Amino acid sequence: MANYIIYGGSFDPIHNGHLRLARTASLKLNADVIFVPARSPRWKVCEASAKDRLKMMKLILRLYAPAGSQISDYELKSDAQVNYTVDTVKYFHQKYRASRLFLLIGADQVNKFSEWKDAGLISELTQIVFVPRPGVQINEDIVKQYHMINLEYYESGEVSSSLIRLGLSHDAPQEVINYIEKNKLYYVNKLAQYVDEKRLLHSIEVAKLSYQIAVVNQLENPSKFYFTGMFHDVGKLANYGKIDPNQVMEKEYSEYLDMPKFAYHQFIGEYILKNDFNIKDEDILNAVKFHCTGSANMSQLAMVIYAADKIEPTRQFDSRFLINSCMKNWKQGFLDTLKDNRKYLLAHAKDIENRLTHECFKMYLGD
C-alpha cells in the first residue's frame, strides 16, 4: 500500500523550511509528498500570483524535494471562492482509495483545527501530522480529539515566507531568489516603486555581491547583507514627487546640510527605510546612511555595502581584482576599494573634502 503526504499551503514563496519539512516527513512516514499550492487560502491573501508561485515550485521540485514528490494543481484549478482542506482531502481520498493519506500541518494550525470546515471528516479520511514550533504551546486536547501525530522534528529553522517576501531572509533555493529578482516579486517590486530600472538592476547586483561576500567570509546573517545591499539606494527616487528631499534634509538631517547634494540620497534612504519599511535595525540604517560617502567607525556591514556598491560587476570598469579581494578577506577588500575610490575621485576632480569622506579616508587610510 502506497503512502501519500498532502502538504498544502500558499507557498508564497516556497522556501528551504518547506523543503526540510517535506524531506523529514517523507522519511519518517515512508510516504511520497504531494505539494498542494492554494489558489485562495482561507487564512491569508497571497502576494504573488498562483502562476508565479507554481513556477517557483516547479523550478526546485526535482532538485530539492524528496524523491517521489509531485505538485498537484487541484486547488489552483478550483473555482471555489475559498480552498477548504476538506475538499482537497476528499479529492485525494477518492483518487488514492487503496493508499494511506497523511495531512501535514504546522503547529500554529493545531490549536485552531477545530475551526476548520468539517474537521472531524478530515481526521477520518487522513492521519493528521503536525510539526512542533518553538514558542507555540500545543493544545493536547485537540491533538487527542483528532488523533494527531507529532512529527517531532525541530530543525526546520526560523525561516518564514513573510521574511523572504520582505527581503530579510535568504533561506530559499537560489533558483527561487533568482526568480523573485527577475520577475520583480515581493521586495523587488516594492523597491521598483522608488527607483528607475537602471538603479533597480544596480541594487540587485549590490545585494547579490554583498550576500556572496558575507557567505564566503562566513559573516553572520548574510541575509542582512543582501537586504541592505538591495535597499541601499532606495533614496535615489526616480520621481521626487513622493517626498521633497530638501524638506527631509532640513527637518531630519539638518546636521548634514553642509554635505554635497549627491550625498543626500543616502540620508533620504535611511529615512525611507525607517518610515516606509519600518526598519529598526540601526546597523542596517547606518550602513545605508553612509554608503555613498563612508564615515569614521563603520561597521562590518557598512564596509561590505560600501565596497559592493562601488565594485558590483555591472559598473563601467574592471572590478574583478577588488571583488576577488573582498572574497578573500572582506576587510582588506574594503580597504582596497577605499584606496581605489580615492584614486578615482582625485583623478576626476571629484569631491573628497566633505567631512564624512575626509573622516573615512583619515580613519582607514591614514590621511
Protein backbone atom coordinates (compact mmCIF):
# COMPACT_ATOMS: atom_id res chain seq x y z
CA MET A 1 0.00 0.00 0.00
CA ALA A 2 1.38 3.39 -1.00
CA ASN A 3 1.53 6.27 1.44
CA TYR A 4 0.99 9.91 0.49
CA ILE A 5 1.50 13.14 2.43
CA ILE A 6 -0.79 16.02 1.50
CA TYR A 7 1.25 19.16 2.07
CA GLY A 8 -0.86 22.22 1.37
CA GLY A 9 -0.14 25.90 1.74
CA SER A 10 0.21 29.19 -0.04
CA PHE A 11 3.93 28.62 -0.72
CA ASP A 12 4.29 32.36 -1.17
CA PRO A 13 7.10 31.62 -1.91
CA ILE A 14 8.29 28.08 -1.27
CA HIS A 15 11.44 28.08 0.87
CA ASN A 16 14.00 25.78 2.47
CA GLY A 17 11.88 25.35 5.59
CA HIS A 18 9.11 23.81 3.48
CA LEU A 19 11.62 21.51 1.82
CA ARG A 20 13.23 20.42 5.08
CA LEU A 21 9.81 19.53 6.47
CA ALA A 22 8.86 17.64 3.33
CA ARG A 23 12.06 15.59 3.33
CA THR A 24 11.73 14.73 7.01
CA ALA A 25 8.05 13.82 6.78
CA SER A 26 8.70 11.67 3.72
CA LEU A 27 11.47 9.78 5.52
CA LYS A 28 9.69 9.33 8.85
CA LEU A 29 6.35 8.34 7.35
CA ASN A 30 7.74 6.40 4.40
CA ALA A 31 5.48 8.37 2.08
CA ASP A 32 5.57 10.43 -1.09
CA VAL A 33 4.81 14.13 -0.75
CA ILE A 34 2.08 15.87 -2.71
CA PHE A 35 2.57 19.65 -2.62
CA VAL A 36 -0.80 21.37 -2.99
CA PRO A 37 -0.46 25.14 -3.54
CA ALA A 38 -3.62 27.02 -2.66
CA ARG A 39 -5.32 29.43 -5.01
CA SER A 40 -7.45 31.10 -2.34
CA PRO A 41 -6.29 30.07 1.15
CA ARG A 42 -8.74 30.75 3.94
CA TRP A 43 -6.36 32.37 6.40
CA LYS A 44 -4.31 34.70 4.19
CA VAL A 45 -4.06 36.63 0.93
CA CYS A 46 -1.22 35.62 -1.36
CA GLU A 47 1.11 38.34 -2.58
CA ALA A 48 2.39 36.54 -5.68
CA SER A 49 0.07 35.16 -8.34
CA ALA A 50 -0.76 31.47 -8.47
CA LYS A 51 1.18 31.31 -11.73
CA ASP A 52 4.37 32.67 -10.17
CA ARG A 53 4.08 30.53 -7.04
CA LEU A 54 3.61 27.42 -9.14
CA LYS A 55 6.56 28.27 -11.39
CA MET A 56 8.85 28.70 -8.39
CA MET A 57 7.77 25.32 -7.05
CA LYS A 58 8.37 23.61 -10.37
CA LEU A 59 11.84 25.17 -10.61
CA ILE A 60 13.06 23.46 -7.48
CA LEU A 61 10.95 20.30 -7.08
CA ARG A 62 13.30 17.85 -8.79
CA LEU A 63 16.40 19.41 -7.27
CA TYR A 64 15.44 19.72 -3.60
CA ALA A 65 12.21 17.89 -2.79
CA PRO A 66 12.23 14.23 -1.65
CA ALA A 67 12.11 11.55 -4.34
CA GLY A 68 8.58 10.77 -5.43
CA SER A 69 7.30 14.27 -4.76
CA GLN A 70 4.71 15.85 -7.00
CA ILE A 71 2.79 19.10 -7.29
CA SER A 72 -0.97 19.00 -7.57
CA ASP A 73 -2.82 21.89 -9.19
CA TYR A 74 -6.15 20.68 -7.80
CA GLU A 75 -6.74 23.80 -5.69
CA LEU A 76 -5.26 26.15 -8.28
CA LYS A 77 -7.83 24.96 -10.80
CA SER A 78 -10.69 25.17 -8.33
CA ASP A 79 -13.34 27.79 -8.98
CA ALA A 80 -14.30 27.92 -5.29
CA GLN A 81 -14.06 31.28 -3.56
CA VAL A 82 -12.03 29.69 -0.75
CA ASN A 83 -9.99 26.48 -0.83
CA TYR A 84 -11.14 24.27 2.05
CA THR A 85 -8.85 21.44 3.11
CA VAL A 86 -11.75 19.01 3.45
CA ASP A 87 -12.47 19.28 -0.27
CA THR A 88 -8.82 18.62 -1.10
CA VAL A 89 -8.71 15.65 1.27
CA LYS A 90 -11.87 14.16 -0.26
CA TYR A 91 -10.37 14.56 -3.74
CA PHE A 92 -7.19 12.66 -2.84
CA HIS A 93 -9.11 10.08 -0.83
CA GLN A 94 -11.11 9.33 -3.95
CA LYS A 95 -8.01 9.33 -6.15
CA TYR A 96 -5.92 7.08 -3.90
CA ARG A 97 -8.52 4.75 -2.41
CA ALA A 98 -6.05 1.96 -1.69
CA SER A 99 -3.47 4.28 -0.10
CA ARG A 100 -2.90 5.76 3.34
CA LEU A 101 -3.12 9.54 3.43
CA PHE A 102 -1.33 11.88 5.81
CA LEU A 103 -2.11 15.57 6.18
CA LEU A 104 0.89 17.68 7.18
CA ILE A 105 0.11 20.88 9.11
CA GLY A 106 2.08 23.38 11.16
CA ALA A 107 1.95 23.80 14.92
CA ASP A 108 0.18 27.14 14.53
CA GLN A 109 -2.77 25.34 12.92
CA VAL A 110 -3.20 22.65 15.57
CA ASN A 111 -4.94 24.80 18.16
CA LYS A 112 -7.36 26.25 15.62
CA PHE A 113 -8.03 22.95 13.85
CA SER A 114 -11.49 22.62 15.34
CA GLU A 115 -12.38 25.80 13.40
CA TRP A 116 -11.58 24.13 10.09
CA LYS A 117 -14.53 23.18 7.93
CA ASP A 118 -15.55 19.54 8.62
CA ALA A 119 -12.54 18.98 10.88
CA GLY A 120 -13.88 15.63 12.04
CA LEU A 121 -14.21 14.32 8.49
CA ILE A 122 -10.67 15.41 7.68
CA SER A 123 -9.36 13.39 10.63
CA GLU A 124 -11.38 10.35 9.47
CA LEU A 125 -10.02 10.44 5.92
CA THR A 126 -6.40 11.24 6.78
CA GLN A 127 -3.86 10.82 9.53
CA ILE A 128 -3.06 14.36 10.64
CA VAL A 129 0.61 15.03 11.33
CA PHE A 130 1.86 18.27 12.84
CA VAL A 131 5.29 19.83 13.20
CA PRO A 132 6.13 21.45 16.56
CA ARG A 133 7.37 25.02 16.59
CA PRO A 134 9.29 26.93 19.28
CA GLY A 135 7.00 29.24 21.22
CA VAL A 136 3.78 27.51 20.18
CA GLN A 137 2.05 25.72 23.06
CA ILE A 138 0.10 22.79 21.66
CA ASN A 139 -3.39 22.09 22.96
CA GLU A 140 -3.15 18.38 23.78
CA ASP A 141 -6.93 18.02 23.97
CA ILE A 142 -7.18 18.90 20.26
CA VAL A 143 -4.33 16.50 19.47
CA LYS A 144 -6.23 13.68 21.17
CA GLN A 145 -9.61 14.64 19.74
CA TYR A 146 -8.37 14.44 16.15
CA HIS A 147 -5.81 11.66 16.72
CA MET A 148 -2.92 13.83 15.56
CA ILE A 149 0.69 12.65 15.41
CA ASN A 150 3.62 14.84 16.43
CA LEU A 151 6.33 14.56 13.79
CA GLU A 152 8.86 15.60 16.48
CA TYR A 153 11.04 17.49 14.06
CA TYR A 154 12.72 20.64 15.34
CA GLU A 155 15.22 21.53 12.61
CA SER A 156 13.08 23.36 10.07
CA GLY A 157 14.64 26.67 11.14
CA GLU A 158 13.18 30.09 11.80
CA VAL A 159 12.60 30.84 8.13
CA SER A 160 9.23 32.16 7.02
CA SER A 161 7.74 33.15 3.69
CA SER A 162 6.91 36.59 5.10
CA LEU A 163 10.58 37.33 5.83
CA ILE A 164 11.55 36.25 2.33
CA ARG A 165 8.84 38.49 0.87
CA LEU A 166 10.38 41.40 2.79
CA GLY A 167 13.89 40.54 1.58
CA LEU A 168 15.01 39.89 5.17
CA SER A 169 15.59 36.16 4.71
CA HIS A 170 17.55 34.39 2.01
CA ASP A 171 16.66 30.88 3.20
CA ALA A 172 15.25 29.65 -0.08
CA PRO A 173 16.79 27.84 -3.04
CA GLN A 174 18.81 30.20 -5.20
CA GLU A 175 16.51 29.43 -8.11
CA VAL A 176 13.63 30.96 -6.12
CA ILE A 177 15.65 34.09 -5.26
CA ASN A 178 16.67 34.44 -8.91
CA TYR A 179 13.03 34.16 -9.98
CA ILE A 180 11.97 36.82 -7.46
CA GLU A 181 14.64 39.19 -8.74
CA LYS A 182 13.99 38.55 -12.42
CA ASN A 183 10.21 38.86 -12.16
CA LYS A 184 10.19 41.74 -9.64
CA LEU A 185 8.20 39.97 -6.96
CA TYR A 186 7.79 40.92 -3.31
CA TYR A 187 10.58 43.24 -2.05
CA VAL A 188 11.92 43.81 -5.58
CA ASN A 189 8.51 45.04 -6.68
CA LYS A 190 8.37 47.40 -3.71
CA LEU A 191 11.83 48.79 -4.45
CA ALA A 192 10.80 49.30 -8.07
CA GLN A 193 8.22 51.82 -6.83
CA TYR A 194 11.09 54.06 -5.68
CA VAL A 195 13.86 53.73 -8.26
CA ASP A 196 14.18 53.53 -12.04
CA GLU A 197 15.08 50.38 -13.96
CA LYS A 198 18.80 51.11 -14.14
CA ARG A 199 19.02 51.78 -10.41
CA LEU A 200 16.96 48.66 -9.69
CA LEU A 201 19.38 46.46 -11.64
CA HIS A 202 22.31 48.06 -9.83
CA SER A 203 20.64 47.43 -6.47
CA ILE A 204 20.07 43.76 -7.28
CA GLU A 205 23.75 43.36 -8.19
CA VAL A 206 24.87 45.08 -4.99
CA ALA A 207 22.58 42.79 -2.97
CA LYS A 208 23.92 39.67 -4.66
CA LEU A 209 27.56 40.70 -4.27
CA SER A 210 27.08 41.73 -0.62
CA TYR A 211 25.48 38.37 0.10
CA GLN A 212 28.29 36.47 -1.64
CA ILE A 213 30.95 38.37 0.28
CA ALA A 214 29.19 37.60 3.55
CA VAL A 215 28.78 33.90 2.75
CA VAL A 216 32.35 33.36 1.53
CA ASN A 217 33.77 35.20 4.53
CA GLN A 218 31.42 33.33 6.89
CA LEU A 219 29.95 36.54 8.25
CA GLU A 220 26.91 36.32 10.50
CA ASN A 221 23.45 36.67 8.93
CA PRO A 222 24.22 37.02 5.20
CA SER A 223 20.54 37.83 4.56
CA LYS A 224 21.07 41.14 6.34
CA PHE A 225 23.82 42.00 3.86
CA TYR A 226 21.52 41.08 0.97
CA PHE A 227 18.66 43.25 2.23
CA THR A 228 20.91 46.24 2.91
CA GLY A 229 22.52 45.95 -0.49
CA MET A 230 19.11 45.72 -2.14
CA PHE A 231 17.80 48.89 -0.49
CA HIS A 232 20.99 50.96 -0.17
CA ASP A 233 19.88 53.30 -3.00
CA VAL A 234 16.18 53.50 -2.16
CA GLY A 235 16.72 57.23 -1.55
CA LYS A 236 17.56 57.78 -5.22
CA LEU A 237 13.94 58.25 -6.09
CA ALA A 238 13.06 58.06 -9.77
CA ASN A 239 10.36 60.61 -9.05
CA TYR A 240 10.93 63.01 -6.20
CA GLY A 241 7.24 63.82 -6.20
CA LYS A 242 6.84 61.27 -3.40
CA ILE A 243 8.83 63.39 -0.96
CA ASP A 244 10.72 66.65 -1.01
CA PRO A 245 14.39 65.78 -0.35
CA ASN A 246 15.24 69.29 0.75
CA GLN A 247 12.44 69.29 3.32
CA VAL A 248 13.51 65.89 4.62
CA MET A 249 17.09 67.06 4.92
CA GLU A 250 16.11 70.27 6.71
CA LYS A 251 13.75 68.51 9.11
CA GLU A 252 15.52 65.22 9.79
CA TYR A 253 19.19 65.70 8.82
CA SER A 254 19.97 69.37 9.37
CA GLU A 255 23.42 68.44 10.69
CA TYR A 256 24.28 67.16 7.21
CA LEU A 257 23.05 70.11 5.15
CA ASP A 258 26.68 71.04 4.55
CA MET A 259 27.15 67.81 2.59
CA PRO A 260 27.20 67.89 -1.23
CA LYS A 261 23.83 67.27 -2.88
CA PHE A 262 24.96 64.00 -4.42
CA ALA A 263 25.16 62.54 -0.90
CA TYR A 264 21.62 63.48 0.12
CA HIS A 265 20.19 60.23 -1.18
CA GLN A 266 21.96 58.18 1.50
CA PHE A 267 20.21 60.10 4.27
CA ILE A 268 16.88 60.01 2.48
CA GLY A 269 17.37 56.27 2.03
CA GLU A 270 17.65 55.82 5.77
CA TYR A 271 14.54 57.97 6.24
CA ILE A 272 12.53 55.84 3.79
CA LEU A 273 13.64 52.57 5.38
CA LYS A 274 12.58 53.80 8.80
CA ASN A 275 9.27 55.30 7.76
CA ASP A 276 8.08 53.26 4.77
CA PHE A 277 9.66 49.88 5.55
CA ASN A 278 9.62 50.05 9.36
CA ILE A 279 13.28 49.02 9.63
CA LYS A 280 14.57 49.48 13.16
CA ASP A 281 17.95 47.74 12.89
CA GLU A 282 20.47 50.53 13.48
CA ASP A 283 23.22 48.59 11.73
CA ILE A 284 21.18 48.44 8.50
CA LEU A 285 20.12 52.07 8.82
CA ASN A 286 23.66 53.33 9.39
CA ALA A 287 25.06 51.26 6.53
CA VAL A 288 22.55 52.91 4.17
CA LYS A 289 23.05 56.32 5.75
CA PHE A 290 26.77 56.43 4.92
CA HIS A 291 27.13 54.03 1.96
CA CYS A 292 27.99 56.79 -0.50
CA THR A 293 30.48 58.92 1.45
CA GLY A 294 31.68 56.45 4.01
CA SER A 295 32.30 57.62 7.56
CA ALA A 296 34.53 57.02 10.55
CA ASN A 297 33.92 53.87 12.65
CA MET A 298 31.98 51.93 10.02
CA SER A 299 30.51 48.56 10.98
CA GLN A 300 31.29 45.30 9.21
CA LEU A 301 28.00 45.57 7.33
CA ALA A 302 28.65 49.19 6.35
CA MET A 303 32.10 48.35 4.97
CA VAL A 304 30.80 45.49 2.85
CA ILE A 305 27.92 47.56 1.46
CA TYR A 306 30.26 50.47 0.70
CA ALA A 307 32.58 48.14 -1.22
CA ALA A 308 29.85 46.22 -3.03
CA ASP A 309 28.21 49.46 -4.15
CA LYS A 310 31.46 50.67 -5.71
CA ILE A 311 32.58 47.43 -7.38
CA GLU A 312 29.48 45.43 -8.38
CA PRO A 313 30.19 43.78 -11.75
CA THR A 314 27.93 45.97 -13.95
CA ARG A 315 29.96 49.08 -13.08
CA GLN A 316 31.76 50.59 -16.06
CA PHE A 317 35.24 49.36 -15.11
CA ASP A 318 37.07 46.09 -14.49
CA SER A 319 36.41 45.43 -10.81
CA ARG A 320 37.48 41.79 -10.72
CA PHE A 321 40.59 42.45 -8.60
CA LEU A 322 38.55 44.30 -5.99
CA ILE A 323 35.78 41.69 -5.97
CA ASN A 324 38.36 38.93 -5.51
CA SER A 325 39.97 40.91 -2.70
CA CYS A 326 36.62 41.14 -0.90
CA MET A 327 36.04 37.43 -1.35
CA LYS A 328 39.43 36.56 0.14
CA ASN A 329 39.09 38.94 3.08
CA TRP A 330 36.19 41.35 3.43
CA LYS A 331 38.17 43.90 5.46
CA GLN A 332 41.10 44.01 3.03
CA GLY A 333 38.65 44.19 0.16
CA PHE A 334 37.03 47.22 1.78
CA LEU A 335 40.42 48.92 2.21
CA ASP A 336 41.42 48.15 -1.38
CA THR A 337 38.09 49.53 -2.61
CA LEU A 338 38.54 52.63 -0.50
CA LYS A 339 42.01 53.25 -1.95
CA ASP A 340 40.73 52.70 -5.48
CA ASN A 341 37.80 55.05 -4.91
CA ARG A 342 40.07 57.77 -3.55
CA LYS A 343 42.30 57.41 -6.61
CA TYR A 344 39.27 57.68 -8.90
CA LEU A 345 37.86 60.73 -7.12
CA LEU A 346 41.17 62.56 -7.25
CA ALA A 347 41.74 61.70 -10.91
CA HIS A 348 38.31 63.06 -11.84
CA ALA A 349 38.43 66.10 -9.55
CA LYS A 350 35.52 64.77 -7.52
CA ASP A 351 34.73 65.89 -4.01
CA ILE A 352 36.76 64.25 -1.24
CA GLU A 353 36.77 67.24 1.07
CA ASN A 354 33.32 66.77 2.55
CA ARG A 355 33.76 65.89 6.19
CA LEU A 356 32.32 62.39 6.04
CA THR A 357 34.57 61.23 3.20
CA HIS A 358 37.51 63.01 4.79
CA GLU A 359 36.87 61.29 8.13
CA CYS A 360 36.52 57.94 6.37
CA PHE A 361 39.82 58.27 4.48
CA LYS A 362 41.58 59.50 7.60
CA MET A 363 40.27 56.64 9.74
CA TYR A 364 41.03 53.80 7.34
CA LEU A 365 43.74 55.11 5.02
CA GLY A 366 45.55 57.39 7.45
CA ASP A 367 45.17 60.64 5.52
